[in-house]
Structures are given as C-alpha cells and as structure tokens.
C-alpha cells in the first residue's frame, strides 16, 4: 500500500505562483509513475502532469510552459511548481502514484488551489 500526503495549496492572485508537494510512504519502491491531477467545480478530473521513475514528464496543454513537475526520489516526494497561475487553474489538486504491481493507482486527499482574478 502507498500513502500520499499533499501540501502547498492555497489562495493566490492571478499571475502568482504556488508549489505543491506530495510525500509518498509505504511501498514506494514499487511506484513507477507519479502525477498531479485536478478537479475544478463542475468538471471532471483531468491530468495535469506526470513523471516516471526515469524522469520522463508529460503535461496537459493548458499548463505547458507554466507548470513544472519534479521528483526527488531520495525524499520520496513529487513537486508541482505552478507559475503564472490563472483563475481557470482553480481546482482541487490530487497526487497520484501508479506501478505495474499495483492493482490500482493510489490517490492523496487533495489540496485546494484557488486563483483570484
């Protein structure tokens, strides 16, 4: 089992920055891909950014050039640096961990990001 704990959300003005952190514990050696997802009010959950154990990254088109995902394997932590935030980035952000030996992906509890205009 894997436990994920997010932190770093909050309220920020448009154009500002936030950094989200997700600390993993448990069967961390079995994790291959970690990522950030978000769910805005009235919308479905969407992928924001993912990173593999080898450091390969993937981003949603809406955040390319503004968000950066990184991973510190020594600290078992994944980060999401969010710059040039827009009101449409307002959502609950969830950390995700997946691995080939897991029967399902693991999710954190979510952290609220609110961007005011």
Protein backbone atom coordinates (compact mmCIF):
# COMPACT_ATOMS: atom_id res chain seq x y z
CA UNK A 1 0.00 0.00 0.00
CA UNK A 2 1.06 3.58 -0.67
CA UNK A 3 0.13 6.68 1.30
CA UNK A 4 0.27 10.08 -0.36
CA UNK A 5 0.11 13.37 1.53
CA UNK A 6 -0.19 16.62 -0.40
CA UNK A 7 0.61 20.10 0.82
CA UNK A 8 1.16 23.58 -0.54
CA UNK A 9 -2.24 24.62 -1.80
CA UNK A 10 -3.80 27.96 -1.01
CA UNK A 11 -5.14 31.23 -2.33
CA UNK A 12 -3.09 33.26 -4.78
CA UNK A 13 -3.73 36.12 -7.17
CA UNK A 14 -3.62 35.62 -10.90
CA UNK A 15 -0.05 35.68 -12.14
CA UNK A 16 1.26 34.32 -8.87
CA UNK A 17 2.99 31.05 -8.04
CA UNK A 18 2.49 28.07 -5.77
CA UNK A 19 4.42 24.87 -5.22
CA UNK A 20 2.61 21.68 -4.35
CA UNK A 21 4.35 18.78 -2.64
CA UNK A 22 3.35 15.15 -2.37
CA UNK A 23 5.15 12.88 0.07
CA UNK A 24 4.85 9.16 -0.52
CA UNK A 25 5.27 6.39 2.04
CA UNK A 26 4.75 2.64 2.07
CA UNK A 27 5.58 0.54 -0.99
CA UNK A 28 7.45 3.38 -2.61
CA UNK A 29 9.93 1.11 -4.37
CA UNK A 30 7.06 -0.23 -6.48
CA UNK A 31 5.99 3.21 -7.72
CA UNK A 32 6.77 3.88 -11.36
CA UNK A 33 4.75 6.95 -12.30
CA UNK A 34 3.61 9.82 -10.13
CA UNK A 35 1.43 12.65 -11.20
CA UNK A 36 -0.84 15.54 -10.41
CA UNK A 37 -4.48 15.68 -11.37
CA UNK A 38 -7.11 18.29 -10.70
CA UNK A 39 -10.86 18.62 -10.49
CA UNK A 40 -12.44 22.00 -10.95
CA UNK A 41 -16.01 22.68 -9.77
CA UNK A 42 -18.49 21.12 -12.15
CA UNK A 43 -15.79 19.45 -14.24
CA UNK A 44 -14.26 16.02 -14.50
CA UNK A 45 -10.88 15.21 -13.05
CA UNK A 46 -8.08 15.83 -15.52
CA UNK A 47 -4.41 15.01 -15.70
CA UNK A 48 -2.12 17.99 -15.12
CA UNK A 49 1.37 16.49 -15.20
CA UNK A 50 3.04 13.12 -14.75
CA UNK A 51 6.60 11.96 -14.21
CA UNK A 52 8.09 8.49 -14.47
CA UNK A 53 10.77 6.99 -12.27
CA UNK A 54 13.19 7.73 -15.09
CA UNK A 55 12.25 11.39 -15.15
CA UNK A 56 10.12 11.44 -18.29
CA UNK A 57 7.46 14.13 -17.96
CA UNK A 58 4.14 14.82 -19.61
CA UNK A 59 1.94 17.90 -19.31
CA UNK A 60 -1.56 18.94 -20.18
CA UNK A 61 -1.56 21.50 -22.97
CA UNK A 62 -3.24 24.03 -20.69
CA UNK A 63 -0.27 24.11 -18.29
CA UNK A 64 2.71 23.66 -20.61
CA UNK A 65 5.27 26.37 -20.07
CA UNK A 66 3.74 27.38 -16.73
CA UNK A 67 3.88 24.27 -14.55
CA UNK A 68 6.86 22.04 -13.82
CA UNK A 69 6.70 18.61 -12.23
CA UNK A 70 9.75 17.20 -10.50
CA UNK A 71 10.58 14.23 -8.36
CA UNK A 72 13.04 13.75 -5.52
CA UNK A 73 13.45 10.00 -5.21
CA UNK A 74 15.63 10.35 -2.13
CA UNK A 75 12.80 12.15 -0.33
CA UNK A 76 10.03 10.12 -1.98
CA UNK A 77 8.40 13.39 -2.91
CA UNK A 78 6.98 14.82 -6.11
CA UNK A 79 6.50 18.54 -6.64
CA UNK A 80 4.41 20.71 -8.90
CA UNK A 81 5.74 24.22 -9.40
CA UNK A 82 2.93 26.38 -10.72
CA UNK A 83 3.76 29.78 -12.19
CA UNK A 84 1.68 32.38 -13.99
CA UNK A 85 -1.43 31.00 -12.37
CA UNK A 86 -4.80 31.76 -13.92
CA UNK A 87 -8.30 31.72 -12.40
CA UNK A 88 -9.06 28.66 -14.53
CA UNK A 89 -6.36 26.76 -12.61
CA UNK A 90 -8.64 26.86 -9.57
CA UNK A 91 -9.31 23.27 -8.54
CA UNK A 92 -8.60 20.57 -6.02
CA UNK A 93 -5.25 19.07 -6.93
CA UNK A 94 -4.62 15.39 -6.28
CA UNK A 95 -1.39 13.44 -6.19
CA UNK A 96 -1.35 10.04 -7.84
CA UNK A 97 1.03 7.07 -7.72
CA UNK A 98 0.94 4.06 -10.01
CA UNK A 99 3.05 0.99 -10.53
CA UNK A 100 2.91 -2.23 -12.57
CA UNK A 101 2.45 -4.38 -9.46
CA UNK A 102 -0.36 -2.27 -8.01
CA UNK A 103 -3.96 -3.45 -8.54
CA UNK A 104 -4.99 0.19 -8.76
CA UNK A 105 -3.50 3.68 -8.54
CA UNK A 106 -3.21 5.46 -5.22
CA UNK A 107 -4.52 8.96 -4.55
CA UNK A 108 -3.85 11.64 -1.99
CA UNK A 109 -6.57 13.51 -0.14
CA UNK A 110 -6.29 16.59 -2.37
CA UNK A 111 -5.27 20.17 -1.78
CA UNK A 112 -7.27 23.23 -2.80
CA UNK A 113 -5.75 25.79 -5.14
CA UNK A 114 -7.71 28.99 -5.63
CA UNK A 115 -6.58 31.68 -8.06
CA UNK A 116 -8.31 35.03 -7.77
CA UNK A 117 -8.62 37.44 -10.68
